[in-house]
C-alpha cells in the first residue's frame, strides 16, 4: 500500500467531525470537508444526508468533482429556499472555511483590514451567522498560519464562544472542531481553542510558530491514521481523481 498522505489524514479527521451525527444535512465548503462528509456517510454516519453540491439530496453521490448528471442515487430535490428551513430547524452540520479565526472561534470570511476601507474584499459573511446560530459548525483551514489564526478577526462572520455566551437567540450555538493541515483543534471549557491532536510529522513548535495567539500543543497526541477501509474509499470511491492532494499543504502556510 502506498504512503498515507497528509491530505488523507485530514480527510479522516474531517469524517470524524460527522461521526454518529445522525440524520442531519452535511454542508461542506472545500474539497477536504466534502471528502470527509462522504467518507462519514460510508462508514460511521450512514444516516448523514448529502447533496451533489447543487440541488439534489443524494444517498450515493458521484465521485468528487461530478454532479447528479454523472450518476449516483438521487433521493430528493432541495431548492435554495428549502435550505433556510433546514438551517433554522437545526438539522444541519456545517464545515466552513475561515480566512481568519481567533482563539474563541470567531470567524471571518468577509474582508481583510478596516471594514470601511478594506485592503482585500473576500466573499462576504454568507451563511456564517445563521450557521453558528442554529447548528453545529466546524472549520477547515488548508494552510495553518498566523494570517489565519489571529488575535482579533477584522470582521465577525461566524460567532465565537465568547460572543455567544449569554447572547439572546444563540441557544443552539455549537462550535465543534477546527481541522487544519497541521492539527485538529477543539475548544476547552473556557471556550478557547486548544490542540486535540497533531498530524503525523508535525511538532508542537510548528503549530505554535504558525498561530497568532497562545495555543499549547505540548502534550497533544498524534492524529489517527485512516484505516485500510477508509483509504480504499477515499482513493477509489470518493475522490479517485485525487483532488484532495491539491488542497492540502504538507507544511504551514505563509
Protein backbone atom coordinates (compact mmCIF):
# COMPACT_ATOMS: atom_id res chain seq x y z
CA UNK A 1 0.00 0.00 0.00
CA UNK A 2 1.32 3.43 -0.90
CA UNK A 3 2.17 6.02 1.73
CA UNK A 4 -0.68 7.71 3.59
CA UNK A 5 -0.63 11.39 2.71
CA UNK A 6 -1.32 14.42 4.88
CA UNK A 7 -4.48 15.04 2.85
CA UNK A 8 -5.78 11.57 3.69
CA UNK A 9 -5.12 12.12 7.40
CA UNK A 10 -7.10 15.36 7.13
CA UNK A 11 -9.90 13.58 5.26
CA UNK A 12 -10.31 11.04 8.06
CA UNK A 13 -10.25 13.85 10.64
CA UNK A 14 -12.98 15.68 8.72
CA UNK A 15 -15.04 12.49 8.60
CA UNK A 16 -14.71 12.15 12.37
CA UNK A 17 -16.44 15.52 12.76
CA UNK A 18 -19.64 13.86 11.46
CA UNK A 19 -19.20 10.61 13.38
CA UNK A 20 -22.60 9.43 14.67
CA UNK A 21 -24.16 12.73 13.58
CA UNK A 22 -27.48 11.10 12.76
CA UNK A 23 -29.92 12.35 10.13
CA UNK A 24 -28.61 15.86 9.50
CA UNK A 25 -27.68 17.63 6.29
CA UNK A 26 -23.92 17.87 5.81
CA UNK A 27 -22.90 21.28 4.48
CA UNK A 28 -19.33 21.48 3.22
CA UNK A 29 -17.10 24.26 1.90
CA UNK A 30 -13.96 22.90 0.30
CA UNK A 31 -12.61 19.66 -1.07
CA UNK A 32 -11.50 18.05 2.20
CA UNK A 33 -14.80 18.72 4.02
CA UNK A 34 -16.61 17.17 1.03
CA UNK A 35 -14.36 14.11 1.12
CA UNK A 36 -14.87 13.87 4.88
CA UNK A 37 -18.66 14.06 4.74
CA UNK A 38 -18.89 11.40 2.04
CA UNK A 39 -16.45 9.18 3.90
CA UNK A 40 -18.51 9.56 7.09
CA UNK A 41 -21.68 8.58 5.22
CA UNK A 42 -19.95 5.39 4.01
CA UNK A 43 -18.56 4.46 7.44
CA UNK A 44 -19.67 5.91 10.78
CA UNK A 45 -22.72 8.01 9.85
CA UNK A 46 -24.96 6.07 7.44
CA UNK A 47 -27.91 8.42 8.05
CA UNK A 48 -25.96 11.55 7.10
CA UNK A 49 -27.75 13.49 4.35
CA UNK A 50 -25.58 14.55 1.42
CA UNK A 51 -26.16 16.67 -1.67
CA UNK A 52 -24.47 16.83 -5.04
CA UNK A 53 -23.48 20.42 -4.23
CA UNK A 54 -26.20 21.84 -6.45
CA UNK A 55 -29.85 20.89 -5.99
CA UNK A 56 -30.30 17.24 -5.04
CA UNK A 57 -30.25 15.11 -1.91
CA UNK A 58 -28.18 12.04 -2.74
CA UNK A 59 -27.68 8.80 -0.83
CA UNK A 60 -24.92 7.71 -3.18
CA UNK A 61 -23.32 10.82 -4.66
CA UNK A 62 -20.97 10.54 -7.63
CA UNK A 63 -17.20 10.93 -7.11
CA UNK A 64 -15.91 14.34 -6.12
CA UNK A 65 -15.98 16.81 -8.99
CA UNK A 66 -19.09 15.23 -10.56
CA UNK A 67 -22.79 16.10 -10.23
CA UNK A 68 -26.07 14.19 -10.26
CA UNK A 69 -25.93 14.26 -14.06
CA UNK A 70 -22.92 11.95 -13.85
CA UNK A 71 -24.68 9.25 -11.82
CA UNK A 72 -25.45 8.41 -8.22
CA UNK A 73 -28.71 7.86 -6.35
CA UNK A 74 -30.96 10.93 -6.08
CA UNK A 75 -33.25 10.98 -3.03
CA UNK A 76 -34.94 14.34 -3.46
CA UNK A 77 -34.87 17.89 -4.72
CA UNK A 78 -33.62 20.65 -2.42
CA UNK A 79 -34.37 24.11 -3.86
CA UNK A 80 -32.42 27.03 -2.44
CA UNK A 81 -35.35 28.32 -0.37
CA UNK A 82 -35.63 24.98 1.41
CA UNK A 83 -32.06 25.22 2.70
CA UNK A 84 -33.08 28.07 5.01
CA UNK A 85 -35.81 25.92 6.55
CA UNK A 86 -33.26 23.20 7.23
CA UNK A 87 -30.81 25.69 8.76
CA UNK A 88 -33.48 27.13 11.05
CA UNK A 89 -34.55 23.65 12.14
CA UNK A 90 -31.02 22.81 13.30
CA UNK A 91 -30.95 19.62 11.20
CA UNK A 92 -27.67 20.57 9.57
CA UNK A 93 -23.97 20.43 10.37
CA UNK A 94 -21.60 22.72 8.53
CA UNK A 95 -17.86 22.61 7.91
CA UNK A 96 -16.87 26.03 6.62
CA UNK A 97 -13.59 27.68 5.76
CA UNK A 98 -12.01 30.59 7.65
CA UNK A 99 -9.91 33.43 6.30
CA UNK A 100 -9.36 34.49 9.91
CA UNK A 101 -10.24 32.82 13.20
CA UNK A 102 -9.44 33.87 16.76
CA UNK A 103 -8.92 31.94 19.99
CA UNK A 104 -12.67 31.82 20.72
CA UNK A 105 -13.68 30.64 17.25
CA UNK A 106 -14.88 33.97 15.87
CA UNK A 107 -14.54 33.51 12.11
CA UNK A 108 -14.06 35.98 9.25
CA UNK A 109 -14.64 35.28 5.55
CA UNK A 110 -15.76 38.78 4.58
CA UNK A 111 -12.78 41.14 4.24
CA UNK A 112 -9.28 41.95 5.45
CA UNK A 113 -8.48 45.30 7.07
CA UNK A 114 -10.73 48.12 8.26
CA UNK A 115 -14.28 47.34 7.11
CA UNK A 116 -14.69 50.96 5.96
CA UNK A 117 -11.67 50.69 3.62
CA UNK A 118 -10.68 47.01 3.39
CA UNK A 119 -7.37 46.03 1.87
CA UNK A 120 -8.97 42.87 0.48
CA UNK A 121 -12.60 42.06 -0.22
CA UNK A 122 -13.50 38.41 0.31
CA UNK A 123 -16.80 36.56 -0.20
CA UNK A 124 -18.87 38.35 2.46
CA UNK A 125 -20.44 36.95 5.61
CA UNK A 126 -22.51 34.46 3.59
CA UNK A 127 -24.29 31.94 5.81
CA UNK A 128 -21.84 32.08 8.71
CA UNK A 129 -24.09 33.96 11.18
CA UNK A 130 -27.04 31.65 10.54
CA UNK A 131 -24.91 28.53 10.72
CA UNK A 132 -23.33 29.41 14.05
CA UNK A 133 -26.69 30.50 15.49
CA UNK A 134 -28.63 27.39 14.52
CA UNK A 135 -26.48 24.26 14.41
CA UNK A 136 -23.04 22.76 14.92
CA UNK A 137 -20.33 24.43 12.89
CA UNK A 138 -16.80 23.15 12.28
CA UNK A 139 -13.99 24.81 10.32
CA UNK A 140 -11.43 23.60 7.79
CA UNK A 141 -8.19 25.55 7.25
CA UNK A 142 -5.96 24.22 4.47
CA UNK A 143 -2.94 26.33 5.47
CA UNK A 144 -2.40 26.87 9.18
CA UNK A 145 -0.67 30.25 9.52
CA UNK A 146 -0.58 33.40 11.69
CA UNK A 147 -2.51 35.19 8.95
CA UNK A 148 -5.46 32.88 9.61
CA UNK A 149 -5.14 32.27 13.36
CA UNK A 150 -5.20 35.85 14.61
CA UNK A 151 -5.58 37.64 17.92
CA UNK A 152 -8.65 39.51 16.63
CA UNK A 153 -10.63 38.98 13.43
CA UNK A 154 -11.27 42.04 11.25
CA UNK A 155 -14.98 41.22 10.93
CA UNK A 156 -17.02 38.65 12.86
CA UNK A 157 -18.96 36.44 10.45
CA UNK A 158 -19.22 33.16 12.35
CA UNK A 159 -19.98 33.82 16.03
CA UNK A 160 -17.36 32.65 18.55
CA UNK A 161 -17.84 31.23 22.02
CA UNK A 162 -17.11 34.49 23.85
CA UNK A 163 -19.83 36.38 21.97
CA UNK A 164 -22.34 33.53 22.16
CA UNK A 165 -22.32 33.14 25.93
CA UNK A 166 -25.38 34.81 27.35
CA UNK A 167 -26.42 36.25 23.98
CA UNK A 168 -30.09 36.12 23.05
CA UNK A 169 -31.03 33.92 20.12
CA UNK A 170 -27.89 31.78 20.27
CA UNK A 171 -29.15 28.90 22.37
CA UNK A 172 -28.19 26.42 19.64
CA UNK A 173 -24.69 27.80 19.14
CA UNK A 174 -22.29 24.84 18.91
CA UNK A 175 -18.71 25.09 17.67
CA UNK A 176 -17.13 21.68 17.10
CA UNK A 177 -13.60 21.33 15.76
CA UNK A 178 -11.12 23.23 13.61
CA UNK A 179 -9.13 20.95 11.32
CA UNK A 180 -6.01 22.27 9.62
CA UNK A 181 -3.14 20.85 7.60
CA UNK A 182 -1.17 20.68 10.87
CA UNK A 183 -3.58 19.65 13.62
CA UNK A 184 -7.07 19.08 14.96
CA UNK A 185 -8.25 21.76 17.38
CA UNK A 186 -11.27 21.87 19.65
CA UNK A 187 -12.48 24.10 22.49
CA UNK A 188 -11.90 23.90 26.23
CA UNK A 189 -14.41 24.67 28.96
CA UNK A 190 -13.35 28.33 28.77
CA UNK A 191 -14.39 28.43 25.11
CA UNK A 192 -10.83 28.84 23.85
CA UNK A 193 -9.19 26.80 21.13
CA UNK A 194 -6.83 24.03 22.18
CA UNK A 195 -4.92 21.34 20.32
CA UNK A 196 -6.66 17.97 20.30
CA UNK A 197 -4.06 16.22 18.13
CA UNK A 198 -1.06 16.88 15.88
CA UNK A 199 -0.88 15.30 12.45
CA UNK A 200 1.95 12.77 11.95
CA UNK A 201 5.26 14.57 11.44
CA UNK A 202 4.03 17.88 12.90
CA UNK A 203 5.64 19.28 16.05
CA UNK A 204 4.16 21.42 18.81
CA UNK A 205 6.71 24.13 17.96
CA UNK A 206 5.49 24.20 14.36
CA UNK A 207 1.90 24.79 15.43
CA UNK A 208 2.95 27.41 17.98
CA UNK A 209 5.05 29.30 15.40
CA UNK A 210 2.16 29.40 12.95
CA UNK A 211 -0.56 30.59 15.31
CA UNK A 212 -1.07 34.26 16.12
CA UNK A 213 -2.11 33.62 19.72
CA UNK A 214 -1.08 31.27 22.51
CA UNK A 215 -2.02 27.69 21.65
CA UNK A 216 -0.44 24.97 23.75
CA UNK A 217 0.25 21.75 21.84
CA UNK A 218 2.89 20.28 24.14
CA UNK A 219 1.07 17.12 25.25
CA UNK A 220 -1.15 16.64 22.21
CA UNK A 221 -1.34 13.07 20.84
CA UNK A 222 -0.95 12.18 17.17
CA UNK A 223 -3.96 12.41 14.87
CA UNK A 224 -5.18 8.96 13.94
CA UNK A 225 -4.41 7.49 10.53
CA UNK A 226 -7.23 6.35 8.25
CA UNK A 227 -7.64 2.58 8.27
CA UNK A 228 -7.48 0.35 5.18
CA UNK A 229 -11.22 0.57 4.52
CA UNK A 230 -11.18 4.36 4.74
CA UNK A 231 -8.16 4.60 2.46
CA UNK A 232 -9.81 2.42 -0.16
CA UNK A 233 -12.98 4.52 -0.03
CA UNK A 234 -11.06 7.80 -0.23
CA UNK A 235 -8.87 6.68 -3.13
CA UNK A 236 -11.27 4.56 -5.16
CA UNK A 237 -14.81 5.74 -4.40
CA UNK A 238 -14.95 9.27 -3.00
CA UNK A 239 -12.01 11.02 -4.66
CA UNK A 240 -10.42 8.83 -7.35
CA UNK A 241 -9.11 11.94 -9.14
CA UNK A 242 -7.02 12.90 -6.11
CA UNK A 243 -8.42 16.42 -5.78
CA UNK A 244 -7.65 16.29 -2.05
CA UNK A 245 -3.91 16.47 -2.70
CA UNK A 246 -4.26 19.84 -4.41
CA UNK A 247 -5.83 21.46 -1.35
CA UNK A 248 -3.52 20.34 1.44
CA UNK A 249 -0.06 21.72 2.06
CA UNK A 250 2.29 19.44 3.97
CA UNK A 251 3.77 22.38 5.84
CA UNK A 252 2.40 25.57 7.32
CA UNK A 253 1.10 28.42 5.23
CA UNK A 254 2.94 31.64 4.62
